[in-house]
């Protein structure tokens, strides 16, 4: 790989680290704001003499269209066919696991208890990263423990470009949610406007 290609690869890797960090942060903000949004929404309805119970009954069909009937988070996802990039990082995981696996660490007398604990935690992280396809974490771990990376930089680059687009879309989706927009408000005028937009979309009413 040429020097320019490697620099391009590093740039994409850094961007991916940043985008994942940004997505994690905006998701945390949105989740944390949910109870405050709900409480403010309920108070808004009381102040404006709006019967939420009747609204929910009258628009139950549309609510299901928007949010889905019931809680589908636990629905089982179909198995995804493994791609070339999945196979590449599965092999890298095995190389790293050879160093970090708890069974191997148990008999390693060259490491302190603290070092073993650190490596066990790292093993858990990369195992989750493999399952969640956050492959940049495997790259970080491989560099930390001097594990040779696969020389498939072109495939890495293609995957990172697609992943950046996906993560960027998820960031946009999260920051467009009512919970997040509510969290961004600095005053009640802004909060009221978010609630009005929410009710207009969900119930087709203007308050």
N, C-alpha and C. Protein backbone atom coordinates (compact mmCIF):
# COMPACT_ATOMS: atom_id res chain seq x y z
N UNK A 1 0.84 -1.19 0.00
CA UNK A 1 0.00 0.00 0.00
C UNK A 1 0.88 1.24 0.00
N UNK A 2 0.53 2.20 -0.85
CA UNK A 2 1.30 3.42 -0.93
C UNK A 2 1.08 4.28 0.29
N UNK A 3 1.98 5.26 0.48
CA UNK A 3 1.89 6.14 1.64
C UNK A 3 0.58 6.92 1.62
N UNK A 4 0.15 7.39 0.45
CA UNK A 4 -1.09 8.17 0.36
C UNK A 4 -2.31 7.32 0.68
N UNK A 5 -2.29 6.06 0.25
CA UNK A 5 -3.40 5.16 0.55
C UNK A 5 -3.51 4.89 2.05
N UNK A 6 -2.34 4.71 2.69
CA UNK A 6 -2.35 4.46 4.13
C UNK A 6 -2.85 5.67 4.89
N UNK A 7 -2.46 6.86 4.46
CA UNK A 7 -2.93 8.08 5.12
C UNK A 7 -4.44 8.23 4.95
N UNK A 8 -4.94 7.88 3.77
CA UNK A 8 -6.37 7.93 3.51
C UNK A 8 -7.10 6.95 4.43
N UNK A 9 -6.53 5.78 4.59
CA UNK A 9 -7.09 4.76 5.47
C UNK A 9 -7.14 5.27 6.91
N UNK A 10 -6.05 5.90 7.36
CA UNK A 10 -6.01 6.45 8.72
C UNK A 10 -7.04 7.55 8.92
N UNK A 11 -7.21 8.38 7.89
CA UNK A 11 -8.18 9.47 7.98
C UNK A 11 -9.60 8.92 8.14
N UNK A 12 -9.94 7.92 7.33
CA UNK A 12 -11.26 7.31 7.43
C UNK A 12 -11.47 6.65 8.79
N UNK A 13 -10.43 6.02 9.30
CA UNK A 13 -10.51 5.38 10.61
C UNK A 13 -10.78 6.40 11.70
N UNK A 14 -10.08 7.53 11.64
CA UNK A 14 -10.29 8.60 12.62
C UNK A 14 -11.71 9.17 12.53
N UNK A 15 -12.20 9.33 11.29
CA UNK A 15 -13.55 9.83 11.09
C UNK A 15 -14.58 8.86 11.68
N UNK A 16 -14.33 7.58 11.47
CA UNK A 16 -15.25 6.57 11.97
C UNK A 16 -15.28 6.57 13.50
N UNK A 17 -14.12 6.70 14.13
CA UNK A 17 -14.06 6.80 15.58
C UNK A 17 -14.91 7.99 16.07
N UNK A 18 -14.73 9.13 15.41
CA UNK A 18 -15.46 10.33 15.80
C UNK A 18 -16.97 10.15 15.62
N UNK A 19 -17.37 9.63 14.47
CA UNK A 19 -18.79 9.49 14.17
C UNK A 19 -19.47 8.53 15.14
N UNK A 20 -18.79 7.44 15.48
CA UNK A 20 -19.36 6.51 16.45
C UNK A 20 -19.50 7.17 17.82
N UNK A 21 -18.50 7.96 18.20
CA UNK A 21 -18.57 8.68 19.47
C UNK A 21 -19.70 9.68 19.47
N UNK A 22 -19.89 10.37 18.35
CA UNK A 22 -20.97 11.35 18.22
C UNK A 22 -22.33 10.66 18.29
N UNK A 23 -22.46 9.52 17.62
CA UNK A 23 -23.72 8.78 17.64
C UNK A 23 -24.05 8.33 19.06
N UNK A 24 -23.06 7.81 19.75
CA UNK A 24 -23.28 7.35 21.12
C UNK A 24 -23.75 8.50 22.01
N UNK A 25 -23.15 9.68 21.81
CA UNK A 25 -23.50 10.84 22.64
C UNK A 25 -24.92 11.33 22.36
N UNK A 26 -25.28 11.48 21.08
CA UNK A 26 -26.62 12.00 20.77
C UNK A 26 -27.70 11.00 21.18
N UNK A 27 -27.39 9.70 21.10
CA UNK A 27 -28.35 8.69 21.56
C UNK A 27 -28.55 8.78 23.07
N UNK A 28 -27.47 9.02 23.80
CA UNK A 28 -27.58 9.17 25.25
C UNK A 28 -28.40 10.41 25.61
N UNK A 29 -28.18 11.50 24.88
CA UNK A 29 -28.94 12.73 25.11
C UNK A 29 -30.43 12.49 24.85
N UNK A 30 -30.74 11.82 23.74
CA UNK A 30 -32.12 11.56 23.38
C UNK A 30 -32.81 10.67 24.41
N UNK A 31 -32.11 9.64 24.86
CA UNK A 31 -32.68 8.72 25.85
C UNK A 31 -32.90 9.43 27.19
N UNK A 32 -31.92 10.23 27.59
CA UNK A 32 -32.02 10.94 28.87
C UNK A 32 -33.14 11.97 28.86
N UNK A 33 -33.43 12.53 27.67
CA UNK A 33 -34.46 13.57 27.56
C UNK A 33 -35.87 13.00 27.51
N UNK A 34 -36.01 11.70 27.24
CA UNK A 34 -37.34 11.10 27.05
C UNK A 34 -38.30 11.34 28.22
N UNK A 35 -37.87 11.10 29.48
CA UNK A 35 -38.81 11.35 30.60
C UNK A 35 -39.22 12.81 30.71
N UNK A 36 -38.26 13.73 30.47
CA UNK A 36 -38.57 15.16 30.55
C UNK A 36 -39.54 15.56 29.45
N UNK A 37 -39.34 15.00 28.25
CA UNK A 37 -40.25 15.29 27.14
C UNK A 37 -41.66 14.82 27.47
N UNK A 38 -41.77 13.60 28.00
CA UNK A 38 -43.08 13.03 28.33
C UNK A 38 -43.79 13.86 29.40
N UNK A 39 -43.05 14.25 30.42
CA UNK A 39 -43.64 15.04 31.50
C UNK A 39 -44.11 16.40 30.98
N UNK A 40 -43.28 17.03 30.13
CA UNK A 40 -43.63 18.34 29.60
C UNK A 40 -44.84 18.22 28.68
N UNK A 41 -44.88 17.15 27.90
CA UNK A 41 -46.02 16.90 26.99
C UNK A 41 -47.31 16.75 27.78
N UNK A 42 -47.28 16.00 28.85
CA UNK A 42 -48.48 15.80 29.68
C UNK A 42 -48.94 17.13 30.29
N UNK A 43 -47.99 17.92 30.78
CA UNK A 43 -48.33 19.23 31.36
C UNK A 43 -48.90 20.16 30.29
N UNK A 44 -48.32 20.13 29.11
CA UNK A 44 -48.79 20.95 27.98
C UNK A 44 -50.24 20.62 27.66
N UNK A 45 -50.57 19.35 27.66
CA UNK A 45 -51.94 18.92 27.34
C UNK A 45 -52.92 19.41 28.41
N UNK A 46 -52.51 19.33 29.67
CA UNK A 46 -53.37 19.80 30.76
C UNK A 46 -53.62 21.30 30.62
N UNK A 47 -52.56 22.07 30.36
CA UNK A 47 -52.68 23.53 30.24
C UNK A 47 -53.59 23.92 29.08
N UNK A 48 -53.62 23.10 28.03
CA UNK A 48 -54.40 23.43 26.84
C UNK A 48 -55.70 22.62 26.74
N UNK A 49 -56.12 22.02 27.87
CA UNK A 49 -57.38 21.26 27.93
C UNK A 49 -57.47 20.20 26.84
N UNK A 50 -56.39 19.46 26.68
CA UNK A 50 -56.34 18.39 25.67
C UNK A 50 -56.44 17.05 26.38
N UNK A 51 -57.39 16.24 25.94
CA UNK A 51 -57.59 14.91 26.53
C UNK A 51 -56.68 13.91 25.79
N UNK A 52 -55.57 13.56 26.42
CA UNK A 52 -54.62 12.64 25.77
C UNK A 52 -55.20 11.26 25.55
N UNK A 53 -56.02 10.81 26.50
CA UNK A 53 -56.62 9.48 26.37
C UNK A 53 -57.47 9.36 25.12
N UNK A 54 -58.32 10.37 24.87
CA UNK A 54 -59.17 10.35 23.68
C UNK A 54 -58.33 10.45 22.41
N UNK A 55 -57.31 11.29 22.46
CA UNK A 55 -56.44 11.43 21.29
C UNK A 55 -55.79 10.09 20.93
N UNK A 56 -55.30 9.40 21.95
CA UNK A 56 -54.64 8.12 21.70
C UNK A 56 -55.61 7.09 21.12
N UNK A 57 -56.85 7.10 21.61
CA UNK A 57 -57.84 6.17 21.10
C UNK A 57 -58.22 6.51 19.65
N UNK A 58 -58.45 7.79 19.40
CA UNK A 58 -58.89 8.22 18.07
C UNK A 58 -57.83 7.99 17.00
N UNK A 59 -56.56 8.06 17.42
CA UNK A 59 -55.46 7.96 16.45
C UNK A 59 -54.60 6.72 16.67
N UNK A 60 -55.19 5.70 17.26
CA UNK A 60 -54.43 4.48 17.57
C UNK A 60 -53.79 3.88 16.33
N UNK A 61 -54.52 3.88 15.21
CA UNK A 61 -53.98 3.31 13.97
C UNK A 61 -52.75 4.05 13.49
N UNK A 62 -52.83 5.37 13.54
CA UNK A 62 -51.68 6.16 13.07
C UNK A 62 -50.50 6.03 14.02
N UNK A 63 -50.77 5.94 15.32
CA UNK A 63 -49.70 5.75 16.30
C UNK A 63 -48.96 4.45 16.03
N UNK A 64 -49.72 3.40 15.69
CA UNK A 64 -49.10 2.12 15.36
C UNK A 64 -48.25 2.22 14.09
N UNK A 65 -48.72 3.02 13.13
CA UNK A 65 -47.96 3.21 11.90
C UNK A 65 -46.62 3.89 12.18
N UNK A 66 -46.66 4.87 13.09
CA UNK A 66 -45.45 5.64 13.41
C UNK A 66 -44.49 4.85 14.28
N UNK A 67 -45.02 4.24 15.34
CA UNK A 67 -44.16 3.59 16.34
C UNK A 67 -44.17 2.07 16.26
N UNK A 68 -45.12 1.51 15.50
CA UNK A 68 -45.23 0.06 15.43
C UNK A 68 -46.09 -0.45 16.56
N UNK A 69 -46.89 -1.50 16.31
CA UNK A 69 -47.74 -2.05 17.38
C UNK A 69 -46.91 -2.75 18.43
N UNK A 70 -47.03 -2.32 19.69
CA UNK A 70 -46.29 -2.96 20.77
C UNK A 70 -44.82 -2.65 20.70
N UNK A 71 -44.03 -3.36 21.46
CA UNK A 71 -42.59 -3.18 21.52
C UNK A 71 -41.91 -4.24 20.70
N UNK A 72 -41.30 -3.88 19.59
CA UNK A 72 -40.69 -4.86 18.69
C UNK A 72 -39.20 -4.97 18.88
N UNK A 73 -38.65 -4.31 19.94
CA UNK A 73 -37.21 -4.33 20.12
C UNK A 73 -36.67 -5.73 20.35
N UNK A 74 -37.52 -6.58 20.95
CA UNK A 74 -37.05 -7.92 21.25
C UNK A 74 -37.22 -8.88 20.10
N UNK A 75 -37.75 -8.41 18.98
CA UNK A 75 -37.96 -9.29 17.84
C UNK A 75 -36.64 -9.84 17.34
N UNK A 76 -36.65 -11.09 17.00
CA UNK A 76 -35.42 -11.73 16.55
C UNK A 76 -35.10 -11.29 15.13
N UNK A 77 -33.86 -10.92 14.90
CA UNK A 77 -33.43 -10.50 13.58
C UNK A 77 -32.93 -11.70 12.80
N UNK A 78 -33.22 -11.71 11.50
CA UNK A 78 -32.74 -12.83 10.70
C UNK A 78 -31.22 -12.82 10.63
N UNK A 79 -30.63 -13.99 10.53
CA UNK A 79 -29.18 -14.07 10.43
C UNK A 79 -28.71 -13.38 9.15
N UNK A 80 -27.67 -12.57 9.28
CA UNK A 80 -27.14 -11.87 8.13
C UNK A 80 -26.01 -12.69 7.51
N UNK A 81 -25.97 -12.66 6.22
CA UNK A 81 -24.91 -13.38 5.53
C UNK A 81 -23.58 -12.66 5.76
N UNK A 82 -22.56 -13.42 6.11
CA UNK A 82 -21.26 -12.82 6.39
C UNK A 82 -20.60 -12.36 5.10
N UNK A 83 -20.05 -11.16 5.16
CA UNK A 83 -19.37 -10.60 4.01
C UNK A 83 -17.86 -10.78 4.16
N UNK A 84 -17.14 -10.33 3.16
CA UNK A 84 -15.67 -10.45 3.20
C UNK A 84 -15.10 -9.70 4.39
N UNK A 85 -15.63 -8.51 4.67
CA UNK A 85 -15.10 -7.72 5.77
C UNK A 85 -15.40 -8.40 7.11
N UNK A 86 -16.54 -9.07 7.22
CA UNK A 86 -16.85 -9.81 8.45
C UNK A 86 -15.84 -10.92 8.69
N UNK A 87 -15.48 -11.63 7.63
CA UNK A 87 -14.51 -12.72 7.74
C UNK A 87 -13.13 -12.19 8.12
N UNK A 88 -12.77 -11.05 7.54
CA UNK A 88 -11.46 -10.45 7.83
C UNK A 88 -11.34 -10.12 9.31
N UNK A 89 -12.37 -9.50 9.86
CA UNK A 89 -12.29 -9.08 11.26
C UNK A 89 -12.55 -10.24 12.22
N UNK A 90 -13.23 -11.27 11.76
CA UNK A 90 -13.37 -12.47 12.59
C UNK A 90 -12.00 -13.12 12.79
N UNK A 91 -11.20 -13.12 11.75
CA UNK A 91 -9.84 -13.68 11.85
C UNK A 91 -8.97 -12.79 12.75
N UNK A 92 -9.13 -11.47 12.62
CA UNK A 92 -8.36 -10.57 13.46
C UNK A 92 -8.75 -10.76 14.93
N UNK A 93 -10.03 -10.95 15.18
CA UNK A 93 -10.50 -11.19 16.55
C UNK A 93 -9.83 -12.42 17.15
N UNK A 94 -9.70 -13.48 16.37
CA UNK A 94 -9.08 -14.71 16.86
C UNK A 94 -7.61 -14.47 17.24
N UNK A 95 -6.92 -13.65 16.44
CA UNK A 95 -5.52 -13.33 16.74
C UNK A 95 -5.41 -12.57 18.07
N UNK A 96 -6.32 -11.60 18.24
CA UNK A 96 -6.29 -10.80 19.47
C UNK A 96 -6.70 -11.67 20.67
N UNK A 97 -7.70 -12.52 20.45
CA UNK A 97 -8.19 -13.37 21.54
C UNK A 97 -7.10 -14.32 22.04
N UNK A 98 -6.18 -14.67 21.17
CA UNK A 98 -5.07 -15.54 21.58
C UNK A 98 -4.25 -14.88 22.69
N UNK A 99 -4.24 -13.56 22.69
CA UNK A 99 -3.49 -12.80 23.70
C UNK A 99 -4.35 -12.46 24.92
N UNK A 100 -5.63 -12.18 24.67
CA UNK A 100 -6.49 -11.62 25.72
C UNK A 100 -7.47 -12.60 26.35
N UNK A 101 -7.59 -13.79 25.82
CA UNK A 101 -8.62 -14.70 26.34
C UNK A 101 -8.36 -15.03 27.81
N UNK A 102 -9.40 -14.95 28.64
CA UNK A 102 -9.23 -15.21 30.08
C UNK A 102 -8.59 -16.56 30.40
N UNK A 103 -8.89 -17.60 29.64
CA UNK A 103 -8.31 -18.92 29.91
C UNK A 103 -6.80 -18.90 29.75
N UNK A 104 -6.33 -18.15 28.77
CA UNK A 104 -4.88 -18.06 28.54
C UNK A 104 -4.23 -17.19 29.62
N UNK A 105 -4.91 -16.14 30.02
CA UNK A 105 -4.35 -15.23 31.02
C UNK A 105 -4.20 -15.90 32.38
N UNK A 106 -5.09 -16.86 32.66
CA UNK A 106 -5.07 -17.51 33.97
C UNK A 106 -3.74 -18.18 34.27
N UNK A 107 -3.07 -18.67 33.23
CA UNK A 107 -1.80 -19.38 33.43
C UNK A 107 -0.57 -18.53 33.10
N UNK A 108 -0.80 -17.25 32.79
CA UNK A 108 0.30 -16.35 32.43
C UNK A 108 0.86 -15.71 33.70
N UNK A 109 2.07 -16.13 34.09
CA UNK A 109 2.69 -15.63 35.32
C UNK A 109 3.46 -14.32 35.12
N UNK A 110 3.58 -13.89 33.86
CA UNK A 110 4.35 -12.68 33.58
C UNK A 110 3.53 -11.40 33.78
N UNK A 111 2.21 -11.53 33.97
CA UNK A 111 1.34 -10.37 34.11
C UNK A 111 0.86 -10.21 35.54
N UNK A 112 0.68 -8.96 35.97
CA UNK A 112 0.12 -8.69 37.29
C UNK A 112 -1.40 -8.90 37.24
N UNK A 113 -2.01 -8.95 38.41
CA UNK A 113 -3.46 -9.12 38.50
C UNK A 113 -4.17 -7.95 37.82
N UNK A 114 -3.60 -6.76 37.97
CA UNK A 114 -4.19 -5.57 37.34
C UNK A 114 -4.12 -5.66 35.83
N UNK A 115 -2.99 -6.11 35.29
CA UNK A 115 -2.84 -6.25 33.84
C UNK A 115 -3.79 -7.30 33.28
N UNK A 116 -3.95 -8.39 34.03
CA UNK A 116 -4.88 -9.43 33.60
C UNK A 116 -6.32 -8.91 33.57
N UNK A 117 -6.67 -8.15 34.59
CA UNK A 117 -8.02 -7.58 34.66
C UNK A 117 -8.27 -6.64 33.49
N UNK A 118 -7.27 -5.83 33.17
CA UNK A 118 -7.39 -4.90 32.05
C UNK A 118 -7.59 -5.65 30.74
N UNK A 119 -6.84 -6.74 30.56
CA UNK A 119 -6.93 -7.50 29.31
C UNK A 119 -8.26 -8.25 29.21
N UNK A 120 -8.77 -8.70 30.34
CA UNK A 120 -10.06 -9.38 30.33
C UNK A 120 -11.17 -8.40 29.92
N UNK A 121 -11.10 -7.19 30.44
CA UNK A 121 -12.08 -6.17 30.07
C UNK A 121 -11.97 -5.82 28.60
N UNK A 122 -10.74 -5.76 28.10
CA UNK A 122 -10.53 -5.48 26.69
C UNK A 122 -11.09 -6.61 25.83
N UNK A 123 -10.92 -7.85 26.29
CA UNK A 123 -11.45 -9.00 25.57
C UNK A 123 -12.97 -8.89 25.45
N UNK A 124 -13.64 -8.49 26.53
CA UNK A 124 -15.09 -8.33 26.51
C UNK A 124 -15.49 -7.25 25.52
N UNK A 125 -14.71 -6.17 25.49
CA UNK A 125 -15.02 -5.06 24.58
C UNK A 125 -14.92 -5.48 23.13
N UNK A 126 -13.85 -6.20 22.79
CA UNK A 126 -13.69 -6.55 21.38
C UNK A 126 -14.66 -7.65 20.97
N UNK A 127 -15.07 -8.47 21.93
CA UNK A 127 -16.09 -9.49 21.63
C UNK A 127 -17.40 -8.80 21.27
N UNK A 128 -17.77 -7.79 22.07
CA UNK A 128 -18.98 -7.02 21.77
C UNK A 128 -18.82 -6.26 20.45
N UNK A 129 -17.62 -5.72 20.22
CA UNK A 129 -17.36 -4.97 18.99
C UNK A 129 -17.53 -5.86 17.77
N UNK A 130 -17.08 -7.10 17.87
CA UNK A 130 -17.23 -8.04 16.76
C UNK A 130 -18.71 -8.31 16.49
N UNK A 131 -19.47 -8.51 17.56
CA UNK A 131 -20.90 -8.80 17.41
C UNK A 131 -21.66 -7.60 16.85
N UNK A 132 -21.24 -6.39 17.27
CA UNK A 132 -21.93 -5.18 16.83
C UNK A 132 -21.33 -4.58 15.56
N UNK A 133 -20.30 -5.24 15.04
CA UNK A 133 -19.60 -4.82 13.82
C UNK A 133 -18.96 -3.43 13.96
N UNK A 134 -18.51 -3.12 15.16
CA UNK A 134 -17.73 -1.90 15.37
C UNK A 134 -16.26 -2.27 15.23
N UNK A 135 -15.88 -2.54 13.99
CA UNK A 135 -14.58 -3.14 13.72
C UNK A 135 -13.40 -2.21 14.01
N UNK A 136 -13.66 -0.90 14.05
CA UNK A 136 -12.56 0.02 14.34
C UNK A 136 -11.99 -0.23 15.73
N UNK A 137 -12.83 -0.77 16.64
CA UNK A 137 -12.35 -1.08 17.99
C UNK A 137 -11.38 -2.25 17.97
N UNK A 138 -11.58 -3.18 17.04
CA UNK A 138 -10.64 -4.29 16.89
C UNK A 138 -9.30 -3.79 16.35
N UNK A 139 -9.37 -2.81 15.45
CA UNK A 139 -8.14 -2.22 14.92
C UNK A 139 -7.38 -1.52 16.04
N UNK A 140 -8.09 -0.75 16.85
CA UNK A 140 -7.46 -0.05 17.98
C UNK A 140 -6.79 -1.05 18.93
N UNK A 141 -7.50 -2.13 19.22
CA UNK A 141 -6.97 -3.14 20.13
C UNK A 141 -5.75 -3.84 19.53
N UNK A 142 -5.81 -4.14 18.24
CA UNK A 142 -4.69 -4.80 17.57
C UNK A 142 -3.45 -3.93 17.62
N UNK A 143 -3.62 -2.64 17.43
CA UNK A 143 -2.48 -1.72 17.48
C UNK A 143 -1.93 -1.62 18.91
N UNK A 144 -2.81 -1.64 19.89
CA UNK A 144 -2.40 -1.54 21.30
C UNK A 144 -1.53 -2.72 21.71
N UNK A 145 -1.89 -3.92 21.23
CA UNK A 145 -1.18 -5.13 21.64
C UNK A 145 -0.27 -5.70 20.54
N UNK A 146 0.04 -4.83 19.56
CA UNK A 146 0.99 -5.18 18.50
C UNK A 146 0.60 -6.45 17.74
N UNK A 147 -0.70 -6.56 17.44
CA UNK A 147 -1.18 -7.65 16.60
C UNK A 147 -1.21 -7.16 15.16
N UNK A 148 -0.62 -7.91 14.27
CA UNK A 148 -0.53 -7.48 12.87
C UNK A 148 -1.92 -7.38 12.25
N UNK A 149 -2.17 -6.27 11.60
CA UNK A 149 -3.45 -6.07 10.92
C UNK A 149 -3.42 -6.76 9.56
N UNK A 150 -4.56 -7.26 9.09
CA UNK A 150 -4.62 -7.85 7.76
C UNK A 150 -4.32 -6.79 6.69
N UNK A 151 -3.63 -7.17 5.67
CA UNK A 151 -3.22 -6.21 4.64
C UNK A 151 -4.29 -5.99 3.59
N UNK A 152 -5.52 -5.96 4.02
CA UNK A 152 -6.65 -5.78 3.08
C UNK A 152 -7.19 -4.35 3.23
N UNK A 153 -6.31 -3.39 3.06
CA UNK A 153 -6.68 -2.00 3.30
C UNK A 153 -7.75 -1.50 2.33
N UNK A 154 -7.72 -2.01 1.12
CA UNK A 154 -8.73 -1.57 0.13
C UNK A 154 -10.12 -1.99 0.59
N UNK A 155 -10.22 -3.22 1.08
CA UNK A 155 -11.51 -3.70 1.59
C UNK A 155 -11.91 -2.90 2.83
N UNK A 156 -10.93 -2.62 3.71
CA UNK A 156 -11.19 -1.79 4.89
C UNK A 156 -11.77 -0.44 4.47
N UNK A 157 -11.12 0.18 3.50
CA UNK A 157 -11.51 1.51 3.06
C UNK A 157 -12.93 1.52 2.51
N UNK A 158 -13.26 0.53 1.71
CA UNK A 158 -14.61 0.44 1.14
C UNK A 158 -15.65 0.27 2.25
N UNK A 159 -15.32 -0.57 3.23
CA UNK A 159 -16.24 -0.78 4.34
C UNK A 159 -16.40 0.48 5.17
N UNK A 160 -15.29 1.17 5.46
CA UNK A 160 -15.36 2.37 6.29
C UNK A 160 -16.20 3.46 5.64
N UNK A 161 -16.11 3.59 4.33
CA UNK A 161 -16.91 4.60 3.62
C UNK A 161 -18.40 4.31 3.79
N UNK A 162 -18.78 3.05 3.63
CA UNK A 162 -20.19 2.67 3.79
C UNK A 162 -20.64 2.85 5.24
N UNK A 163 -19.76 2.48 6.17
CA UNK A 163 -20.08 2.58 7.58
C UNK A 163 -20.25 4.04 8.00
N UNK A 164 -19.39 4.92 7.47
CA UNK A 164 -19.50 6.34 7.77
C UNK A 164 -20.86 6.88 7.32
N UNK A 165 -21.30 6.45 6.16
CA UNK A 165 -22.59 6.91 5.65
C UNK A 165 -23.73 6.41 6.55
N UNK A 166 -23.65 5.14 6.95
CA UNK A 166 -24.69 4.56 7.81
C UNK A 166 -24.74 5.26 9.17
N UNK A 167 -23.58 5.46 9.78
CA UNK A 167 -23.53 6.10 11.10
C UNK A 167 -24.00 7.55 11.00
N UNK A 168 -23.61 8.23 9.92
CA UNK A 168 -24.04 9.61 9.71
C UNK A 168 -25.56 9.69 9.60
N UNK A 169 -26.17 8.75 8.89
CA UNK A 169 -27.63 8.71 8.76
C UNK A 169 -28.29 8.47 10.11
N UNK A 170 -27.68 7.62 10.93
CA UNK A 170 -28.23 7.35 12.26
C UNK A 170 -28.13 8.57 13.17
N UNK A 171 -27.04 9.33 13.02
CA UNK A 171 -26.89 10.57 13.79
C UNK A 171 -28.00 11.55 13.40
N UNK A 172 -28.21 11.70 12.09
CA UNK A 172 -29.24 12.61 11.60
C UNK A 172 -30.63 12.18 12.08
N UNK A 173 -30.89 10.88 12.05
CA UNK A 173 -32.17 10.36 12.51
C UNK A 173 -32.39 10.65 13.99
N UNK A 174 -31.33 10.45 14.79
CA UNK A 174 -31.46 10.67 16.24
C UNK A 174 -31.64 12.14 16.57
N UNK A 175 -30.86 13.00 15.90
CA UNK A 175 -30.96 14.44 16.18
C UNK A 175 -32.25 15.05 15.64
N UNK A 176 -32.97 14.28 14.80
CA UNK A 176 -34.26 14.74 14.29
C UNK A 176 -35.42 14.25 15.15
N UNK A 177 -35.11 13.46 16.17
CA UNK A 177 -36.16 12.93 17.04
C UNK A 177 -36.67 14.04 17.96
N UNK A 178 -37.91 13.90 18.41
CA UNK A 178 -38.49 14.91 19.28
C UNK A 178 -37.79 14.96 20.64
N UNK A 179 -37.38 13.81 21.14
CA UNK A 179 -36.65 13.81 22.41
C UNK A 179 -35.40 14.66 22.32
N UNK A 180 -34.64 14.46 21.23
CA UNK A 180 -33.39 15.19 21.10
C UNK A 180 -33.65 16.69 20.88
N UNK A 181 -34.61 17.00 20.02
CA UNK A 181 -34.93 18.42 19.77
C UNK A 181 -35.39 19.10 21.06
N UNK A 182 -36.13 18.36 21.87
CA UNK A 182 -36.57 18.90 23.17
C UNK A 182 -35.37 19.18 24.06
N UNK A 183 -34.40 18.27 24.07
CA UNK A 183 -33.20 18.44 24.89
C UNK A 183 -32.39 19.65 24.47
N UNK A 184 -32.48 20.01 23.20
CA UNK A 184 -31.71 21.14 22.67
C UNK A 184 -32.34 22.49 23.00
N UNK A 185 -33.58 22.47 23.47
CA UNK A 185 -34.27 23.73 23.76
C UNK A 185 -33.71 24.41 25.00
N UNK A 186 -33.69 25.74 24.96
CA UNK A 186 -33.21 26.53 26.09
C UNK A 186 -34.34 27.24 26.83
N UNK A 187 -35.55 27.24 26.26
CA UNK A 187 -36.65 27.94 26.93
C UNK A 187 -37.97 27.23 26.60
N UNK A 188 -39.03 27.63 27.31
CA UNK A 188 -40.34 26.99 27.15
C UNK A 188 -40.97 27.28 25.79
N UNK A 189 -40.66 28.42 25.20
CA UNK A 189 -41.19 28.72 23.88
C UNK A 189 -40.74 27.67 22.87
N UNK A 190 -39.46 27.34 22.95
CA UNK A 190 -38.91 26.31 22.07
C UNK A 190 -39.52 24.94 22.38
N UNK A 191 -39.66 24.63 23.67
CA UNK A 191 -40.23 23.34 24.08
C UNK A 191 -41.67 23.21 23.61
N UNK A 192 -42.43 24.30 23.73
CA UNK A 192 -43.81 24.28 23.27
C UNK A 192 -43.88 24.01 21.77
N UNK A 193 -42.98 24.60 21.03
CA UNK A 193 -42.97 24.41 19.57
C UNK A 193 -42.67 22.96 19.22
N UNK A 194 -41.76 22.33 19.96
CA UNK A 194 -41.45 20.91 19.72
C UNK A 194 -42.69 20.06 19.99
N UNK A 195 -43.40 20.35 21.08
CA UNK A 195 -44.61 19.60 21.41
C UNK A 195 -45.67 19.81 20.33
N UNK A 196 -45.82 21.02 19.83
CA UNK A 196 -46.80 21.29 18.77
C UNK A 196 -46.47 20.50 17.51
N UNK A 197 -45.20 20.46 17.16
CA UNK A 197 -44.79 19.71 15.97
C UNK A 197 -45.04 18.22 16.16
N UNK A 198 -44.77 17.75 17.38
CA UNK A 198 -45.01 16.35 17.71
C UNK A 198 -46.49 15.99 17.56
N UNK A 199 -47.36 16.85 18.09
CA UNK A 199 -48.79 16.58 18.05
C UNK A 199 -49.36 16.73 16.65
N UNK A 200 -48.78 17.64 15.89
CA UNK A 200 -49.25 17.81 14.52
C UNK A 200 -48.92 16.57 13.69
N UNK A 201 -47.73 16.02 13.91
CA UNK A 201 -47.34 14.84 13.15
C UNK A 201 -48.14 13.61 13.59
N UNK A 202 -48.31 13.45 14.91
CA UNK A 202 -48.92 12.23 15.43
C UNK A 202 -50.44 12.25 15.33
N UNK A 203 -51.04 13.44 15.58
CA UNK A 203 -52.50 13.51 15.64
C UNK A 203 -53.12 14.39 14.55
N UNK A 204 -52.27 15.03 13.73
CA UNK A 204 -52.74 15.93 12.69
C UNK A 204 -53.61 17.06 13.25
N UNK A 205 -53.18 17.58 14.41
CA UNK A 205 -53.90 18.72 14.98
C UNK A 205 -52.92 19.85 15.23
N UNK A 206 -53.42 21.07 15.15
CA UNK A 206 -52.63 22.25 15.45
C UNK A 206 -53.09 22.84 16.76
N UNK A 207 -52.17 23.03 17.65
CA UNK A 207 -52.49 23.56 18.98
C UNK A 207 -52.04 25.00 19.08
